[in-house]
Amino acid sequence: MVAVRVRSGLLSASRSLGAETSRGHPPSGVEPRILWRPFGFSRRLLKVESCRITEAESLSPLAWASLIQKLSRTPGIFLLDQRKIFSTMPEIETNQRDSELFSPPSDVRGMTELDRTAFKKTITIPVLKVRKEIVNKLMRSLKRAALQRPGIKRVIEDPEDEESRLIMLDPYKMFTDDSFEKGELSILKQLNVSPQISKHNLELTYENFKSEEILKAVLPEGQDVTSGFSRVGHIAHLNLRDHQLPYKHLIGQVMIDKNPGITSVVNKINNIDNTYRNFQMEVLSGEENMMTKVRENNYTYEFDFSKVYWNPRLSTEHSRITELLKPGDVLFDVFAGVGPFAIPAAKKNCTVFANDLNPESHKWLLHNCKLNKVDQKVKVFNLDGKDFLQGPVREELMQQLGPLSKERKHSVHIVMNLPAKAIEFLSAFKSLLDGQPCGSELFPIVHCYSFSKDANPAKDVQQRAGTVLGISLEACSSVHLVRNVAPNKEMLCITFRIPAAILYKNQTLNGDNHEDPPIKRQRTDKDF
């Protein structure tokens, strides 16, 4: 038998039970873990009556439920066996508890072609019978006890009495009539409702399961499950791993079924390493229409997703750069894509020069400028990044930094969002301008993006950018962590003001770069 007793705030347990039954008894040889938390009265002696369960009673889950009920009424005491079958601990999340009862049938494991009918399953749920006219009033008082499961009605008709309704109860909290708390019992008594709990057989179907639950049940046990994706308008963009590929069409269909508004699911089948920054993709399920429309930071963009680059995970970064700009500033966007930096900047009354080598990106950049009514504020180019820097950018900088530049109050920013290669393009700034330099506070501020797999990614980016420019950037730059791209791979943005010794011909590295006004610190190597 099991004896559980509280003495001086300590709870001891001794047991000798038979093997665990399929209904959830603690297994033989497994000692329940007793967790005690004092809630601020550690010196107070707690007293609990001895609870004894005979070996015969140990075969009944209600006996264990009764023990749990008695212990749970003692403040600060929680009982949790090693398999977390019985628990009153609030730290256990609902999705963890649901994993057994509300998981799909086990025989769907290995399914590669979606069969929705195979997901039918019948479970037993505790219910409370009440008169239909008091359901709404009663539900407000039974929030704790009622079933909280998306997609499943908490109140259903009573098949045996049309004047009554059945309230679905949480099967992990409501075992017997004693499971109700005092306040709940008081309300039941006021409304003349019997606290007697009955059982109801509930049929679950494919519609009742979440996408991650379906995929976890189908894919090989212990393997990663795809539940996240990038949404681009009506398109869900996945990056499947090798072990998920045999199930790719099923995964695509589940994503469409479980995500309203998604009508096409694609999987990237190569890296973004070509000239135009797009990638090959395979349509896993749904329509093949890649023409899409997205809203980001109150701006609208339209494009063919199969032919241009768009990443919804960069929304925050687009906003961050825009917030650095002031009305009247000049922005050169070297790798502009379809306009997520250029268009918000133009809306802020900045003068914008936007460029992209991809003819499709150039076309949609022009289109989106008109769509957002900034086409008169953005000069659009279709050039290689180096040609753009040494052509239109050079010409504009010669004017911006000319004899009248001391009267200029606005800043010049150059955004280079091509993480795989942008650092290489920094060499285009070497000896870019002729003449004598003006005050260094007027020199352009560069925001250059890069990937890093280094253990110290910020320092790695500073060193690589410095190597291309031929100077040290560690004392005159800041590094911002944009996002984690993959395990051990970060995307970062290094920001610095170009020194006169780099930007102008016939200048020497005599410390100019250390005289530049410091860039406001964001994140450096010490932050990683």
Protein backbone atom coordinates (compact mmCIF):
# COMPACT_ATOMS: atom_id res chain seq x y z
CA MET A 1 0.00 0.00 0.00
CA VAL A 2 0.96 3.66 -0.16
CA ALA A 3 1.13 5.87 2.92
CA VAL A 4 1.42 9.60 2.43
CA ARG A 5 1.85 11.83 5.46
CA VAL A 6 2.85 15.45 6.03
CA ARG A 7 5.01 16.23 9.06
CA SER A 8 6.51 19.60 9.88
CA GLY A 9 6.11 20.77 6.34
CA LEU A 10 7.80 17.69 4.86
CA LEU A 11 5.96 15.05 2.89
CA SER A 12 7.12 11.45 2.90
CA ALA A 13 5.91 8.57 0.78
CA SER A 14 6.45 4.82 0.85
CA ARG A 15 4.89 2.40 -1.57
CA SER A 16 4.68 -1.15 -2.86
CA LEU A 17 2.31 -1.25 -5.82
CA GLY A 18 1.68 -3.65 -8.63
CA ALA A 19 2.55 -2.84 -12.23
CA GLU A 20 1.05 0.19 -13.88
CA THR A 21 -2.21 -0.46 -15.69
CA SER A 22 -3.13 1.07 -19.02
CA ARG A 23 -5.35 3.57 -17.19
CA GLY A 24 -2.49 5.53 -15.74
CA HIS A 25 -1.43 4.18 -12.35
CA PRO A 26 2.07 4.85 -11.10
CA PRO A 27 4.32 2.01 -12.35
CA SER A 28 5.89 -0.54 -10.09
CA GLY A 29 9.16 0.56 -8.64
CA VAL A 30 8.59 4.22 -9.50
CA GLU A 31 8.52 6.53 -6.50
CA PRO A 32 6.19 9.50 -6.86
CA ARG A 33 8.00 12.82 -6.75
CA ILE A 34 6.66 15.05 -4.02
CA LEU A 35 7.18 18.73 -4.64
CA TRP A 36 6.52 21.17 -1.82
CA ARG A 37 6.43 24.91 -2.09
CA PRO A 38 5.83 26.96 1.08
CA PHE A 39 4.20 30.12 -0.45
CA GLY A 40 5.78 32.34 2.19
CA PHE A 41 4.94 30.38 5.34
CA SER A 42 7.84 27.92 5.49
CA ARG A 43 7.70 27.70 9.29
CA ARG A 44 4.07 26.74 9.41
CA LEU A 45 3.38 23.08 10.14
CA LEU A 46 1.17 21.46 7.56
CA LYS A 47 -1.18 18.68 8.58
CA VAL A 48 -2.78 16.19 6.26
CA GLU A 49 -4.66 13.08 7.23
CA SER A 50 -2.97 9.83 6.39
CA CYS A 51 -4.12 8.54 3.01
CA ARG A 52 -3.92 4.80 2.58
CA ILE A 53 -4.59 2.99 -0.63
CA THR A 54 -4.83 -0.75 -0.54
CA GLU A 55 -3.39 -2.91 -3.27
CA ALA A 56 -6.88 -3.61 -4.58
CA GLU A 57 -7.64 0.10 -4.70
CA SER A 58 -4.39 0.76 -6.49
CA LEU A 59 -5.93 -0.79 -9.59
CA SER A 60 -8.53 1.96 -9.73
CA PRO A 61 -7.65 5.38 -11.19
CA LEU A 62 -10.37 6.92 -9.00
CA ALA A 63 -8.41 5.91 -5.90
CA TRP A 64 -5.41 7.78 -7.18
CA ALA A 65 -7.65 10.67 -8.18
CA SER A 66 -9.00 10.81 -4.64
CA LEU A 67 -5.46 10.95 -3.26
CA ILE A 68 -4.61 13.76 -5.64
CA GLN A 69 -7.72 15.68 -4.58
CA LYS A 70 -6.80 15.44 -0.88
CA LEU A 71 -3.22 16.50 -1.47
CA SER A 72 -4.16 19.34 -3.82
CA ARG A 73 -6.29 20.92 -1.09
CA THR A 74 -3.18 21.34 1.04
CA PRO A 75 -1.62 24.71 0.14
CA GLY A 76 1.73 24.48 -1.57
CA ILE A 77 1.79 20.70 -2.11
CA PHE A 78 1.91 19.17 -5.57
CA LEU A 79 2.20 15.48 -6.42
CA LEU A 80 3.79 14.50 -9.70
CA ASP A 81 4.81 10.98 -10.64
CA GLN A 82 7.71 10.44 -12.99
CA ARG A 83 5.48 10.20 -16.05
CA LYS A 84 3.39 13.25 -15.10
CA ILE A 85 0.17 11.21 -15.21
CA PHE A 86 -1.36 12.97 -12.22
CA SER A 87 -0.48 16.57 -11.57
CA THR A 88 -1.84 19.72 -10.09
CA MET A 89 1.30 21.69 -10.93
CA PRO A 90 0.43 24.84 -12.90
CA GLU A 91 3.81 24.79 -14.66
CA ILE A 92 2.72 21.93 -16.93
CA GLU A 93 1.48 23.51 -20.12
CA THR A 94 -1.78 22.52 -21.73
CA ASN A 95 -0.15 21.41 -24.99
CA GLN A 96 2.06 18.95 -23.08
CA ARG A 97 -0.92 17.49 -21.25
CA ASP A 98 -2.92 17.18 -24.47
CA SER A 99 -0.20 15.11 -26.12
CA GLU A 100 -1.69 11.75 -25.12
CA LEU A 101 -5.46 12.13 -25.00
CA PHE A 102 -5.77 14.58 -27.88
CA SER A 103 -3.18 13.08 -30.22
CA PRO A 104 -4.15 11.41 -33.53
CA PRO A 105 -4.42 7.60 -33.78
CA SER A 106 -1.07 5.83 -33.75
CA ASP A 107 -1.75 3.95 -36.98
CA VAL A 108 -1.30 7.10 -39.10
CA ARG A 109 2.46 6.89 -38.49
CA GLY A 110 4.32 6.74 -41.82
CA MET A 111 1.43 8.03 -43.93
CA THR A 112 2.74 9.80 -47.06
CA GLU A 113 -0.57 10.47 -48.83
CA LEU A 114 -3.07 12.34 -46.70
CA ASP A 115 -6.11 10.28 -45.69
CA ARG A 116 -8.26 12.47 -43.49
CA THR A 117 -10.64 9.65 -42.56
CA ALA A 118 -7.79 7.79 -40.82
CA PHE A 119 -7.66 10.43 -38.09
CA LYS A 120 -10.95 9.44 -36.43
CA LYS A 121 -10.62 8.67 -32.75
CA THR A 122 -13.06 8.32 -29.84
CA ILE A 123 -12.10 9.56 -26.37
CA THR A 124 -13.97 9.69 -23.08
CA ILE A 125 -14.60 13.15 -21.64
CA PRO A 126 -16.15 14.03 -18.26
CA VAL A 127 -19.35 16.09 -18.64
CA LEU A 128 -21.75 17.94 -16.37
CA LYS A 129 -25.48 17.88 -17.15
CA VAL A 130 -27.24 21.24 -16.72
CA ARG A 131 -30.51 22.92 -17.76
CA LYS A 132 -30.03 24.73 -21.05
CA GLU A 133 -31.37 28.07 -19.75
CA ILE A 134 -28.55 28.44 -17.19
CA VAL A 135 -25.62 27.41 -19.41
CA ASN A 136 -24.33 30.91 -20.13
CA LYS A 137 -24.49 31.99 -16.48
CA LEU A 138 -22.82 28.81 -15.29
CA MET A 139 -19.99 28.82 -17.84
CA ARG A 140 -18.57 32.04 -16.41
CA SER A 141 -18.02 30.24 -13.11
CA LEU A 142 -16.61 27.04 -14.61
CA LYS A 143 -13.74 28.46 -16.64
CA ARG A 144 -11.24 26.44 -14.63
CA ALA A 145 -13.13 23.17 -14.89
CA ALA A 146 -14.36 23.44 -18.49
CA LEU A 147 -12.53 21.84 -21.39
CA GLN A 148 -10.15 24.28 -23.09
CA ARG A 149 -9.49 22.78 -26.48
CA PRO A 150 -9.64 24.85 -29.70
CA GLY A 151 -12.05 23.43 -32.23
CA ILE A 152 -14.13 21.47 -29.73
CA LYS A 153 -17.40 22.84 -28.41
CA ARG A 154 -17.52 23.09 -24.66
CA VAL A 155 -21.32 22.80 -24.58
CA ILE A 156 -23.21 20.15 -26.54
CA GLU A 157 -26.80 18.91 -26.70
CA ASP A 158 -27.82 16.08 -24.41
CA PRO A 159 -28.89 13.21 -26.67
CA GLU A 160 -31.20 11.92 -23.93
CA ASP A 161 -32.84 15.20 -22.89
CA GLU A 162 -33.49 18.09 -25.26
CA GLU A 163 -34.07 20.47 -22.33
CA SER A 164 -30.54 19.86 -21.01
CA ARG A 165 -27.02 20.49 -22.18
CA LEU A 166 -23.73 18.76 -21.44
CA ILE A 167 -20.75 20.89 -20.41
CA MET A 168 -17.44 19.34 -21.44
CA LEU A 169 -14.97 19.26 -18.54
CA ASP A 170 -11.19 19.11 -18.47
CA PRO A 171 -10.28 15.40 -18.22
CA TYR A 172 -7.00 16.29 -16.50
CA LYS A 173 -8.70 18.21 -13.70
CA MET A 174 -12.15 16.71 -13.27
CA PHE A 175 -12.07 13.12 -12.00
CA THR A 176 -14.95 12.87 -9.57
CA ASP A 177 -17.57 15.08 -7.95
CA ASP A 178 -14.89 16.12 -5.44
CA SER A 179 -12.91 17.74 -8.25
CA PHE A 180 -14.96 20.92 -8.08
CA GLU A 181 -13.56 23.75 -5.96
CA LYS A 182 -15.59 25.30 -3.15
CA GLY A 183 -16.59 28.34 -5.19
CA GLU A 184 -17.73 26.17 -8.07
CA LEU A 185 -19.75 23.92 -5.77
CA SER A 186 -21.40 27.00 -4.28
CA ILE A 187 -22.52 28.21 -7.72
CA LEU A 188 -23.80 24.74 -8.62
CA LYS A 189 -25.81 24.66 -5.42
CA GLN A 190 -27.28 28.12 -6.07
CA LEU A 191 -28.39 27.08 -9.54
CA ASN A 192 -29.67 23.73 -8.32
CA VAL A 193 -27.21 21.74 -10.44
CA SER A 194 -26.02 18.33 -9.32
CA PRO A 195 -22.20 18.12 -9.25
CA GLN A 196 -22.35 14.52 -10.45
CA ILE A 197 -19.91 13.98 -13.30
CA SER A 198 -20.87 11.70 -16.18
CA LYS A 199 -18.89 10.36 -19.11
CA HIS A 200 -19.34 11.20 -22.77
CA ASN A 201 -17.76 9.55 -25.79
CA LEU A 202 -16.37 12.28 -28.03
CA GLU A 203 -15.35 11.51 -31.60
CA LEU A 204 -12.32 13.43 -32.83
CA THR A 205 -11.70 13.85 -36.56
CA TYR A 206 -9.00 15.36 -38.75
CA GLU A 207 -10.59 18.79 -38.26
CA ASN A 208 -10.03 18.62 -34.49
CA PHE A 209 -6.24 18.22 -34.64
CA LYS A 210 -3.67 20.98 -35.01
CA SER A 211 -1.15 20.85 -37.86
CA GLU A 212 1.78 20.13 -35.54
CA GLU A 213 -0.17 17.29 -33.89
CA ILE A 214 -0.92 15.73 -37.28
CA LEU A 215 2.66 15.98 -38.49
CA LYS A 216 4.07 14.71 -35.20
CA ALA A 217 1.83 11.66 -35.49
CA VAL A 218 2.72 11.01 -39.14
CA LEU A 219 6.47 11.66 -39.30
CA PRO A 220 8.96 9.16 -37.84
CA GLU A 221 8.95 9.27 -34.06
CA GLY A 222 11.55 11.60 -32.59
CA GLN A 223 12.10 13.55 -35.83
CA ASP A 224 11.71 17.32 -36.16
CA VAL A 225 8.24 18.44 -37.17
CA THR A 226 7.59 21.32 -39.57
CA SER A 227 5.01 23.65 -38.06
CA GLY A 228 6.55 27.05 -38.89
CA PHE A 229 6.76 28.70 -42.27
CA SER A 230 7.17 32.07 -43.95
CA ARG A 231 3.91 33.49 -45.22
CA VAL A 232 4.07 35.58 -48.38
CA GLY A 233 0.50 36.56 -49.21
CA HIS A 234 -1.36 33.37 -50.09
CA ILE A 235 1.91 31.38 -50.23
CA ALA A 236 3.44 29.33 -47.41
CA HIS A 237 7.20 28.97 -47.90
CA LEU A 238 8.85 25.95 -46.23
CA ASN A 239 12.46 24.82 -45.90
CA LEU A 240 12.06 21.07 -45.46
CA ARG A 241 14.82 18.86 -44.14
CA ASP A 242 15.85 15.59 -45.76
CA HIS A 243 13.88 13.34 -43.40
CA GLN A 244 10.71 15.33 -44.16
CA LEU A 245 10.92 15.08 -47.95
CA PRO A 246 9.06 11.71 -48.27
CA TYR A 247 6.11 13.44 -46.59
CA LYS A 248 6.38 16.76 -48.44
CA HIS A 249 3.05 16.61 -50.31
CA LEU A 250 1.18 15.56 -47.16
CA ILE A 251 2.87 18.40 -45.24
CA GLY A 252 1.82 20.86 -47.95
CA GLN A 253 -1.80 19.77 -47.85
CA VAL A 254 -1.94 19.93 -44.04
CA MET A 255 -0.57 23.50 -44.17
CA ILE A 256 -3.34 24.54 -46.55
CA ASP A 257 -6.01 22.79 -44.50
CA LYS A 258 -4.96 24.33 -41.20
CA ASN A 259 -4.06 27.88 -42.26
CA PRO A 260 -6.93 29.97 -43.65
CA GLY A 261 -5.85 32.09 -46.61
CA ILE A 262 -2.99 29.80 -47.62
CA THR A 263 -3.71 28.36 -51.07
CA SER A 264 -0.20 27.38 -52.16
CA VAL A 265 2.71 25.73 -50.33
CA VAL A 266 6.24 25.76 -51.76
CA ASN A 267 9.56 24.30 -50.67
CA LYS A 268 12.92 25.87 -51.45
CA ILE A 269 15.11 23.36 -53.27
CA ASN A 270 18.36 25.34 -53.54
CA ASN A 271 20.19 28.15 -51.77
CA ILE A 272 20.02 31.82 -52.72
CA ASP A 273 23.37 31.91 -54.45
CA ASN A 274 22.57 33.01 -57.98
CA THR A 275 23.00 36.42 -59.55
CA TYR A 276 19.42 37.54 -59.04
CA ARG A 277 18.93 36.42 -55.41
CA ASN A 278 15.92 34.21 -56.12
CA PHE A 279 15.75 30.46 -55.66
CA GLN A 280 14.20 27.42 -57.29
CA MET A 281 11.08 26.18 -55.56
CA GLU A 282 8.73 23.23 -55.76
CA VAL A 283 4.99 23.56 -55.32
CA LEU A 284 4.05 20.91 -52.74
CA SER A 285 0.32 21.49 -52.71
CA GLY A 286 -2.28 23.92 -53.98
CA GLU A 287 -2.22 26.36 -56.86
CA GLU A 288 0.92 27.26 -58.80
CA ASN A 289 0.13 30.97 -58.90
CA MET A 290 3.16 32.81 -57.49
CA MET A 291 1.83 36.32 -58.11
CA THR A 292 1.19 37.64 -54.63
CA LYS A 293 0.43 40.76 -52.61
CA VAL A 294 1.74 41.48 -49.12
CA ARG A 295 1.39 44.23 -46.51
CA GLU A 296 4.42 45.18 -44.42
CA ASN A 297 4.61 48.12 -42.02
CA ASN A 298 1.55 49.71 -43.67
CA TYR A 299 3.02 49.50 -47.19
CA THR A 300 1.80 47.27 -50.01
CA TYR A 301 4.05 45.21 -52.26
CA GLU A 302 3.12 43.11 -55.28
CA PHE A 303 5.48 40.72 -57.07
CA ASP A 304 6.06 37.26 -58.53
CA PHE A 305 7.52 35.34 -55.59
CA SER A 306 9.20 32.81 -57.88
CA LYS A 307 11.30 35.51 -59.58
CA VAL A 308 12.29 37.99 -56.83
CA TYR A 309 13.62 37.96 -53.27
CA TRP A 310 11.24 38.60 -50.37
CA ASN A 311 11.68 37.64 -46.73
CA PRO A 312 8.87 38.51 -44.27
CA ARG A 313 11.27 37.92 -41.37
CA LEU A 314 13.06 41.17 -42.24
CA SER A 315 10.08 43.39 -41.48
CA THR A 316 11.59 44.59 -38.18
CA GLU A 317 14.91 45.36 -39.84
CA HIS A 318 13.22 47.40 -42.56
CA SER A 319 11.55 49.45 -39.82
CA ARG A 320 14.80 49.85 -37.87
CA ILE A 321 16.65 51.39 -40.79
CA THR A 322 13.70 53.62 -41.69
CA GLU A 323 13.62 54.96 -38.13
CA LEU A 324 17.28 56.02 -38.44
CA LEU A 325 16.39 58.30 -41.35
CA LYS A 326 15.17 61.86 -41.05
CA PRO A 327 13.14 63.82 -43.60
CA GLY A 328 15.51 65.24 -46.19
CA ASP A 329 18.13 62.51 -45.80
CA VAL A 330 19.52 60.75 -48.86
CA LEU A 331 19.31 56.95 -49.14
CA PHE A 332 21.19 54.81 -51.65
CA ASP A 333 19.72 51.28 -51.70
CA VAL A 334 22.28 49.18 -53.57
CA PHE A 335 20.34 45.89 -53.60
CA ALA A 336 16.78 47.23 -53.36
CA GLY A 337 14.71 44.19 -54.31
CA VAL A 338 11.06 45.18 -54.66
CA GLY A 339 11.45 48.20 -52.36
CA PRO A 340 11.08 47.37 -48.62
CA PHE A 341 13.79 49.92 -47.67
CA ALA A 342 13.30 52.40 -50.49
CA ILE A 343 9.54 52.92 -50.30
CA PRO A 344 9.27 53.61 -46.53
CA ALA A 345 12.24 55.99 -46.84
CA ALA A 346 10.57 57.86 -49.69
CA LYS A 347 7.36 58.09 -47.67
CA LYS A 348 9.46 59.77 -44.97
CA ASN A 349 10.40 62.46 -47.51
CA CYS A 350 13.91 61.18 -48.09
CA THR A 351 15.59 61.36 -51.49
CA VAL A 352 16.01 57.74 -52.59
CA PHE A 353 18.20 56.10 -55.21
CA ALA A 354 17.21 52.42 -55.50
CA ASN A 355 18.95 49.79 -57.59
CA ASP A 356 18.63 46.07 -58.34
CA LEU A 357 20.33 43.93 -60.95
CA ASN A 358 17.41 41.50 -61.31
CA PRO A 359 15.17 42.73 -64.16
CA GLU A 360 12.12 41.27 -62.37
CA SER A 361 12.97 43.06 -59.13
CA HIS A 362 13.52 46.29 -61.10
CA LYS A 363 10.09 45.90 -62.74
CA TRP A 364 8.28 45.29 -59.45
CA LEU A 365 10.24 48.03 -57.72
CA LEU A 366 8.90 50.52 -60.27
CA HIS A 367 5.43 49.04 -59.86
CA ASN A 368 5.48 49.23 -56.06
CA CYS A 369 6.74 52.82 -56.07
CA LYS A 370 3.66 53.77 -58.09
CA LEU A 371 1.43 51.57 -55.95
CA ASN A 372 2.59 53.38 -52.82
CA LYS A 373 2.58 56.79 -54.55
CA VAL A 374 6.29 57.54 -54.14
CA ASP A 375 7.37 57.12 -57.76
CA GLN A 376 8.31 60.85 -57.93
CA LYS A 377 10.65 60.48 -54.94
CA VAL A 378 12.57 57.36 -55.96
CA LYS A 379 15.10 57.14 -58.79
CA VAL A 380 15.24 53.49 -59.90
CA PHE A 381 18.21 51.74 -61.54
CA ASN A 382 18.85 48.30 -63.03
CA LEU A 383 22.60 47.94 -62.59
CA ASP A 384 25.20 45.71 -61.01
CA GLY A 385 25.87 46.86 -57.45
CA LYS A 386 29.45 47.93 -58.23
CA ASP A 387 28.37 49.87 -61.31
CA PHE A 388 25.64 51.58 -59.27
CA LEU A 389 28.16 52.65 -56.61
CA GLN A 390 30.76 53.86 -59.08
CA GLY A 391 28.17 55.54 -61.32
CA PRO A 392 24.99 57.16 -59.90
CA VAL A 393 26.17 57.00 -56.27
CA ARG A 394 29.54 58.60 -57.08
CA GLU A 395 27.93 61.37 -59.10
CA GLU A 396 25.46 62.21 -56.33
CA LEU A 397 28.13 62.09 -53.61
CA MET A 398 30.33 64.48 -55.57
CA GLN A 399 27.47 66.98 -55.39
CA GLN A 400 26.51 66.18 -51.79
CA LEU A 401 30.12 66.55 -50.59
CA GLY A 402 31.07 69.46 -52.87
CA PRO A 403 31.97 73.06 -51.94
CA LEU A 404 28.47 73.79 -50.64
CA SER A 405 28.33 70.69 -48.47
CA LYS A 406 29.05 72.61 -45.25
CA GLU A 407 25.58 74.14 -45.54
CA ARG A 408 24.02 70.68 -45.80
CA LYS A 409 22.21 69.46 -42.71
CA HIS A 410 20.91 66.09 -43.88
CA SER A 411 22.69 62.72 -43.71
CA VAL A 412 23.59 60.27 -46.44
CA HIS A 413 22.94 56.54 -45.88
CA ILE A 414 23.95 53.59 -48.05
CA VAL A 415 22.11 50.29 -47.47
CA MET A 416 23.72 47.11 -48.80
CA ASN A 417 21.37 44.20 -48.10
CA LEU A 418 23.00 41.29 -49.87
CA PRO A 419 24.26 39.25 -46.89
CA ALA A 420 26.05 36.59 -48.89
CA LYS A 421 28.24 39.05 -50.84
CA ALA A 422 27.70 42.67 -49.76
CA ILE A 423 31.04 42.92 -47.91
CA GLU A 424 32.85 42.24 -51.19
CA PHE A 425 31.22 45.35 -52.71
CA LEU A 426 32.80 47.60 -50.06
CA SER A 427 35.92 47.74 -52.23
CA ALA A 428 33.97 50.02 -54.60
CA PHE A 429 34.30 52.82 -52.04
CA LYS A 430 38.09 52.91 -52.32
CA SER A 431 39.19 56.17 -53.96
CA LEU A 432 35.65 56.70 -55.16
CA LEU A 433 35.77 60.51 -55.04
CA ASP A 434 38.08 63.24 -56.35
CA GLY A 435 39.04 66.50 -54.71
CA GLN A 436 39.55 67.50 -51.12
CA PRO A 437 37.40 65.97 -48.37
CA CYS A 438 34.96 68.11 -46.43
CA GLY A 439 34.10 67.64 -42.77
CA SER A 440 34.00 63.98 -41.87
CA GLU A 441 30.58 64.30 -40.19
CA LEU A 442 29.09 64.63 -43.70
CA PHE A 443 30.55 61.39 -45.03
CA PRO A 444 28.09 58.59 -45.94
CA ILE A 445 26.96 56.08 -43.31
CA VAL A 446 27.02 52.50 -44.60
CA HIS A 447 24.69 49.73 -43.40
CA CYS A 448 26.20 46.54 -44.78
CA TYR A 449 24.65 43.09 -44.18
CA SER A 450 26.45 39.79 -43.84
CA PHE A 451 26.12 36.23 -42.61
CA SER A 452 28.48 34.71 -40.08
CA LYS A 453 29.03 31.23 -38.70
CA ASP A 454 31.84 32.38 -36.44
CA ALA A 455 31.76 31.86 -32.68
CA ASN A 456 32.07 35.64 -32.37
CA PRO A 457 29.96 36.80 -35.35
CA ALA A 458 30.14 40.56 -34.67
CA LYS A 459 33.94 40.59 -34.53
CA ASP A 460 34.06 38.32 -37.58
CA VAL A 461 31.98 40.77 -39.66
CA GLN A 462 34.04 43.75 -38.48
CA GLN A 463 37.28 42.02 -39.42
CA ARG A 464 36.09 40.88 -42.85
CA ALA A 465 34.68 44.32 -43.74
CA GLY A 466 37.86 45.96 -42.45
CA THR A 467 40.03 43.64 -44.53
CA VAL A 468 38.20 44.64 -47.74
CA LEU A 469 38.55 48.34 -46.93
CA GLY A 470 42.10 48.03 -45.63
CA ILE A 471 41.36 49.59 -42.22
CA SER A 472 40.28 48.49 -38.77
CA LEU A 473 36.57 49.02 -38.08
CA GLU A 474 36.45 47.68 -34.54
CA ALA A 475 36.72 51.13 -32.94
CA CYS A 476 34.47 53.03 -35.35
CA SER A 477 31.55 50.72 -36.19
CA SER A 478 28.56 49.06 -34.58
CA VAL A 479 27.11 45.65 -35.31
CA HIS A 480 23.42 44.78 -35.04
CA LEU A 481 22.16 41.22 -34.85
CA VAL A 482 19.33 40.98 -37.39
CA ARG A 483 18.23 37.38 -36.94
CA ASN A 484 19.31 33.79 -36.48
CA VAL A 485 19.19 32.21 -39.95
CA ALA A 486 20.07 28.64 -39.00
CA PRO A 487 21.91 26.83 -36.20
CA ASN A 488 25.27 28.59 -35.84
CA LYS A 489 24.46 31.06 -38.62
CA GLU A 490 23.61 34.71 -37.90
CA MET A 491 22.59 37.60 -40.11
CA LEU A 492 24.15 40.89 -39.00
CA CYS A 493 24.36 44.51 -40.07
CA ILE A 494 27.59 46.46 -39.62
CA THR A 495 27.20 50.25 -39.60
CA PHE A 496 30.07 52.71 -40.04
CA ARG A 497 30.91 56.08 -41.57
CA ILE A 498 33.30 55.84 -44.53
CA PRO A 499 36.64 57.49 -43.65
CA ALA A 500 38.08 60.15 -45.97
CA ALA A 501 41.21 58.02 -46.40
CA ILE A 502 39.08 55.38 -48.09
CA LEU A 503 36.59 57.55 -49.93
CA TYR A 504 38.98 60.07 -51.53
CA LYS A 505 41.88 59.61 -53.87
CA ASN A 506 45.38 60.57 -52.76
CA GLN A 507 44.50 60.33 -49.07
CA THR A 508 46.60 58.43 -46.54
CA LEU A 509 45.56 56.38 -43.54
CA ASN A 510 46.94 58.82 -40.99
CA GLY A 511 44.28 58.27 -38.41
CA ASP A 512 41.39 59.83 -40.32
CA ASN A 513 39.23 56.85 -39.62
CA HIS A 514 39.60 57.41 -35.89
CA GLU A 515 38.48 61.01 -36.13
CA ASP A 516 35.09 60.18 -37.56
CA PRO A 517 32.09 60.85 -35.31
CA PRO A 518 31.26 57.59 -33.54
CA ILE A 519 28.31 55.59 -34.76
CA LYS A 520 25.66 55.10 -32.08
CA ARG A 521 26.32 51.72 -30.49
CA GLN A 522 23.75 49.01 -31.10
CA ARG A 523 25.27 45.58 -30.62
CA THR A 524 28.91 44.59 -30.70
CA ASP A 525 30.80 41.36 -30.34
CA LYS A 526 30.36 41.51 -26.56
CA ASP A 527 26.63 40.97 -27.03
CA PHE A 528 27.01 37.53 -28.60
